[in-house]
Amino acid sequence: MKSCLATALLALGALSGCSTWGPERIDTTGGHPVLGATQPMTPAALDAEVDTGRLLVKTGAAGGSAVAYPGYKVYDQSGLKVAHQAVQTGNGTEGAAELKLAPGRYFVRLDAPGQGPREFWVTVERAKVTRIDNNTRNGTPPTVR
């Protein structure tokens, strides 16, 4: 019975054109910039989560009051997807959710429709917030090579 089920699932995968099984994985090789500055967490955040770090990505016009928190995917160093943060809007950091991550180095790909993917590396430290403040006019991280 189990072999029939396995055969059926294999056939279904072949018919649907599925060539890989498992979580999403991307290629992280290349000369991508390293962005982000770490800052201490708030005391409330420290009390709640001491074994994690946080990531906050922000874009907006330079000098403007409008702030956007873009959607983005986070991958580990091997290219395996570990998280996704949806688009957020607000007038300051009080409206933004900080993504909780284990300490380490991560590859970030912004969900920037119409402008192509924006990719960069960040380092998340234990009990710190890594902030990506991007205030360029077009809302994309600067290219650093």
C-alpha atoms as a PDB file:
ATOM      1  CA  MET A   1       0.000   0.000   0.000  1.00  0.00           C
ATOM      2  CA  LYS A   2       2.808   2.411   0.893  1.00  0.00           C
ATOM      3  CA  SER A   3       4.632   1.702  -2.381  1.00  0.00           C
ATOM      4  CA  CYS A   4       1.455   2.505  -4.343  1.00  0.00           C
ATOM      5  CA  LEU A   5       1.138   5.845  -2.551  1.00  0.00           C
ATOM      6  CA  ALA A   6       4.808   6.663  -3.159  1.00  0.00           C
ATOM      7  CA  THR A   7       4.463   5.757  -6.840  1.00  0.00           C
ATOM      8  CA  ALA A   8       1.340   7.907  -7.175  1.00  0.00           C
ATOM      9  CA  LEU A   9       3.039  10.909  -5.552  1.00  0.00           C
ATOM     10  CA  LEU A  10       6.098  10.501  -7.772  1.00  0.00           C
ATOM     11  CA  ALA A  11       3.890  10.333 -10.872  1.00  0.00           C
ATOM     12  CA  LEU A  12       1.941  13.401  -9.749  1.00  0.00           C
ATOM     13  CA  GLY A  13       5.177  15.345  -9.289  1.00  0.00           C
ATOM     14  CA  ALA A  14       6.398  14.306 -12.741  1.00  0.00           C
ATOM     15  CA  LEU A  15       3.095  15.296 -14.371  1.00  0.00           C
ATOM     16  CA  SER A  16       3.031  18.703 -12.700  1.00  0.00           C
ATOM     17  CA  GLY A  17       6.534  19.509 -13.908  1.00  0.00           C
ATOM     18  CA  CYS A  18       7.883  19.629 -10.365  1.00  0.00           C
ATOM     19  CA  SER A  19      11.591  18.854 -10.492  1.00  0.00           C
ATOM     20  CA  THR A  20      12.515  19.674  -6.896  1.00  0.00           C
ATOM     21  CA  TRP A  21      11.025  18.853  -3.543  1.00  0.00           C
ATOM     22  CA  GLY A  22      11.457  20.848  -0.372  1.00  0.00           C
ATOM     23  CA  PRO A  23      11.726  24.468   0.682  1.00  0.00           C
ATOM     24  CA  GLU A  24      12.564  27.400  -1.562  1.00  0.00           C
ATOM     25  CA  ARG A  25      16.285  27.829  -2.314  1.00  0.00           C
ATOM     26  CA  ILE A  26      18.124  30.525  -4.339  1.00  0.00           C
ATOM     27  CA  ASP A  27      21.690  31.177  -5.521  1.00  0.00           C
ATOM     28  CA  THR A  28      23.362  33.700  -3.189  1.00  0.00           C
ATOM     29  CA  THR A  29      26.710  33.891  -4.988  1.00  0.00           C
ATOM     30  CA  GLY A  30      27.969  37.123  -6.485  1.00  0.00           C
ATOM     31  CA  GLY A  31      29.086  40.556  -5.374  1.00  0.00           C
ATOM     32  CA  HIS A  32      26.136  41.613  -3.242  1.00  0.00           C
ATOM     33  CA  PRO A  33      26.509  44.524  -0.795  1.00  0.00           C
ATOM     34  CA  VAL A  34      26.545  44.106   2.971  1.00  0.00           C
ATOM     35  CA  LEU A  35      24.086  46.508   4.634  1.00  0.00           C
ATOM     36  CA  GLY A  36      22.779  47.234   8.114  1.00  0.00           C
ATOM     37  CA  ALA A  37      23.744  48.783  11.407  1.00  0.00           C
ATOM     38  CA  THR A  38      23.084  47.043  14.705  1.00  0.00           C
ATOM     39  CA  GLN A  39      21.486  48.819  17.634  1.00  0.00           C
ATOM     40  CA  PRO A  40      20.435  47.644  21.088  1.00  0.00           C
ATOM     41  CA  MET A  41      16.963  46.161  21.477  1.00  0.00           C
ATOM     42  CA  THR A  42      14.398  47.887  23.624  1.00  0.00           C
ATOM     43  CA  PRO A  43      14.213  46.603  27.227  1.00  0.00           C
ATOM     44  CA  ALA A  44      10.798  45.064  26.534  1.00  0.00           C
ATOM     45  CA  ALA A  45      12.152  43.162  23.522  1.00  0.00           C
ATOM     46  CA  LEU A  46      15.120  41.941  25.537  1.00  0.00           C
ATOM     47  CA  ASP A  47      12.839  40.593  28.242  1.00  0.00           C
ATOM     48  CA  ALA A  48      10.737  38.746  25.679  1.00  0.00           C
ATOM     49  CA  GLU A  49      13.458  37.299  23.435  1.00  0.00           C
ATOM     50  CA  VAL A  50      17.082  37.070  24.543  1.00  0.00           C
ATOM     51  CA  ASP A  51      18.233  34.300  22.198  1.00  0.00           C
ATOM     52  CA  THR A  52      17.274  36.006  18.938  1.00  0.00           C
ATOM     53  CA  GLY A  53      18.160  39.100  16.986  1.00  0.00           C
ATOM     54  CA  ARG A  54      15.846  41.307  14.965  1.00  0.00           C
ATOM     55  CA  LEU A  55      15.854  42.689  11.411  1.00  0.00           C
ATOM     56  CA  LEU A  56      14.078  45.865  10.256  1.00  0.00           C
ATOM     57  CA  VAL A  57      14.222  47.036   6.612  1.00  0.00           C
ATOM     58  CA  LYS A  58      12.993  50.575   5.876  1.00  0.00           C
ATOM     59  CA  THR A  59      12.793  52.631   2.671  1.00  0.00           C
ATOM     60  CA  GLY A  60      11.546  56.121   1.965  1.00  0.00           C
ATOM     61  CA  ALA A  61      12.358  59.438   0.357  1.00  0.00           C
ATOM     62  CA  ALA A  62      15.311  61.326   1.793  1.00  0.00           C
ATOM     63  CA  GLY A  63      14.053  63.995   4.154  1.00  0.00           C
ATOM     64  CA  GLY A  64      10.443  62.947   3.635  1.00  0.00           C
ATOM     65  CA  SER A  65       8.034  61.873   6.335  1.00  0.00           C
ATOM     66  CA  ALA A  66       6.632  58.952   4.347  1.00  0.00           C
ATOM     67  CA  VAL A  67       8.224  55.701   5.401  1.00  0.00           C
ATOM     68  CA  ALA A  68       7.746  52.336   3.760  1.00  0.00           C
ATOM     69  CA  TYR A  69       8.716  48.958   5.104  1.00  0.00           C
ATOM     70  CA  PRO A  70       9.049  46.777   1.998  1.00  0.00           C
ATOM     71  CA  GLY A  71       8.272  43.128   1.785  1.00  0.00           C
ATOM     72  CA  TYR A  72      11.318  40.897   1.694  1.00  0.00           C
ATOM     73  CA  LYS A  73      12.483  37.290   1.889  1.00  0.00           C
ATOM     74  CA  VAL A  74      15.330  36.137   4.087  1.00  0.00           C
ATOM     75  CA  TYR A  75      17.638  33.248   3.157  1.00  0.00           C
ATOM     76  CA  ASP A  76      20.434  31.521   5.044  1.00  0.00           C
ATOM     77  CA  GLN A  77      23.992  31.462   3.664  1.00  0.00           C
ATOM     78  CA  SER A  78      23.268  28.368   1.565  1.00  0.00           C
ATOM     79  CA  GLY A  79      20.261  30.059  -0.105  1.00  0.00           C
ATOM     80  CA  LEU A  80      17.520  28.288   1.855  1.00  0.00           C
ATOM     81  CA  LYS A  81      14.490  30.517   2.556  1.00  0.00           C
ATOM     82  CA  VAL A  82      13.992  31.026   6.299  1.00  0.00           C
ATOM     83  CA  ALA A  83      11.439  33.869   6.480  1.00  0.00           C
ATOM     84  CA  HIS A  84       9.259  36.356   4.608  1.00  0.00           C
ATOM     85  CA  GLN A  85       8.119  39.760   5.858  1.00  0.00           C
ATOM     86  CA  ALA A  86       5.110  41.357   4.166  1.00  0.00           C
ATOM     87  CA  VAL A  87       4.986  45.013   3.089  1.00  0.00           C
ATOM     88  CA  GLN A  88       4.180  47.459   5.911  1.00  0.00           C
ATOM     89  CA  THR A  89       3.533  51.207   6.008  1.00  0.00           C
ATOM     90  CA  GLY A  90       3.817  53.715   8.805  1.00  0.00           C
ATOM     91  CA  ASN A  91       5.182  57.040  10.032  1.00  0.00           C
ATOM     92  CA  GLY A  92       8.049  55.763  12.129  1.00  0.00           C
ATOM     93  CA  THR A  93       9.399  52.618  13.701  1.00  0.00           C
ATOM     94  CA  GLU A  94       6.368  52.186  15.982  1.00  0.00           C
ATOM     95  CA  GLY A  95       4.393  50.768  13.051  1.00  0.00           C
ATOM     96  CA  ALA A  96       7.031  48.350  11.819  1.00  0.00           C
ATOM     97  CA  ALA A  97       7.389  44.739  12.827  1.00  0.00           C
ATOM     98  CA  GLU A  98      10.924  43.595  13.510  1.00  0.00           C
ATOM     99  CA  LEU A  99      11.556  40.124  12.090  1.00  0.00           C
ATOM    100  CA  LYS A 100      12.926  37.741  14.740  1.00  0.00           C
ATOM    101  CA  LEU A 101      15.897  35.695  13.534  1.00  0.00           C
ATOM    102  CA  ALA A 102      18.577  33.534  15.090  1.00  0.00           C
ATOM    103  CA  PRO A 103      21.975  35.256  15.181  1.00  0.00           C
ATOM    104  CA  GLY A 104      23.886  34.820  11.920  1.00  0.00           C
ATOM    105  CA  ARG A 105      24.511  36.069   8.402  1.00  0.00           C
ATOM    106  CA  TYR A 106      21.511  36.266   6.050  1.00  0.00           C
ATOM    107  CA  PHE A 107      20.813  37.059   2.406  1.00  0.00           C
ATOM    108  CA  VAL A 108      17.869  39.452   1.879  1.00  0.00           C
ATOM    109  CA  ARG A 109      15.864  39.880  -1.329  1.00  0.00           C
ATOM    110  CA  LEU A 110      13.405  42.805  -1.384  1.00  0.00           C
ATOM    111  CA  ASP A 111       9.992  42.330  -2.995  1.00  0.00           C
ATOM    112  CA  ALA A 112      10.316  45.345  -5.297  1.00  0.00           C
ATOM    113  CA  PRO A 113       7.925  44.864  -8.229  1.00  0.00           C
ATOM    114  CA  GLY A 114       8.853  46.675 -11.425  1.00  0.00           C
ATOM    115  CA  GLN A 115      12.398  47.429 -10.301  1.00  0.00           C
ATOM    116  CA  GLY A 116      13.802  43.895 -10.201  1.00  0.00           C
ATOM    117  CA  PRO A 117      14.959  42.102  -7.085  1.00  0.00           C
ATOM    118  CA  ARG A 118      17.143  44.037  -4.664  1.00  0.00           C
ATOM    119  CA  GLU A 119      19.565  41.738  -2.852  1.00  0.00           C
ATOM    120  CA  PHE A 120      22.071  42.193  -0.025  1.00  0.00           C
ATOM    121  CA  TRP A 121      23.656  40.497   2.994  1.00  0.00           C
ATOM    122  CA  VAL A 122      22.974  41.367   6.638  1.00  0.00           C
ATOM    123  CA  THR A 123      24.355  40.133   9.935  1.00  0.00           C
ATOM    124  CA  VAL A 124      21.910  39.634  12.816  1.00  0.00           C
ATOM    125  CA  GLU A 125      23.406  39.672  16.305  1.00  0.00           C
ATOM    126  CA  ARG A 126      21.936  38.222  19.495  1.00  0.00           C
ATOM    127  CA  ALA A 127      19.951  40.818  21.499  1.00  0.00           C
ATOM    128  CA  LYS A 128      20.449  43.502  18.783  1.00  0.00           C
ATOM    129  CA  VAL A 129      18.310  45.029  16.029  1.00  0.00           C
ATOM    130  CA  THR A 130      19.914  45.187  12.587  1.00  0.00           C
ATOM    131  CA  ARG A 131      18.380  48.170  10.800  1.00  0.00           C
ATOM    132  CA  ILE A 132      18.504  48.712   7.068  1.00  0.00           C
ATOM    133  CA  ASP A 133      17.685  52.402   6.562  1.00  0.00           C
ATOM    134  CA  ASN A 134      17.484  53.106   2.862  1.00  0.00           C
ATOM    135  CA  ASN A 135      16.641  56.717   2.123  1.00  0.00           C
ATOM    136  CA  THR A 136      17.565  56.849  -1.554  1.00  0.00           C
ATOM    137  CA  ARG A 137      15.146  58.524  -3.930  1.00  0.00           C
ATOM    138  CA  ASN A 138      14.127  55.414  -5.823  1.00  0.00           C
ATOM    139  CA  GLY A 139      13.668  53.304  -2.695  1.00  0.00           C
ATOM    140  CA  THR A 140      16.347  50.738  -3.488  1.00  0.00           C
ATOM    141  CA  PRO A 141      19.477  49.895  -1.516  1.00  0.00           C
ATOM    142  CA  PRO A 142      22.699  51.425  -2.822  1.00  0.00           C
ATOM    143  CA  THR A 143      24.919  49.140  -4.872  1.00  0.00           C
ATOM    144  CA  VAL A 144      28.184  48.512  -3.069  1.00  0.00           C
ATOM    145  CA  ARG A 145      30.894  46.436  -4.769  1.00  0.00           C
END
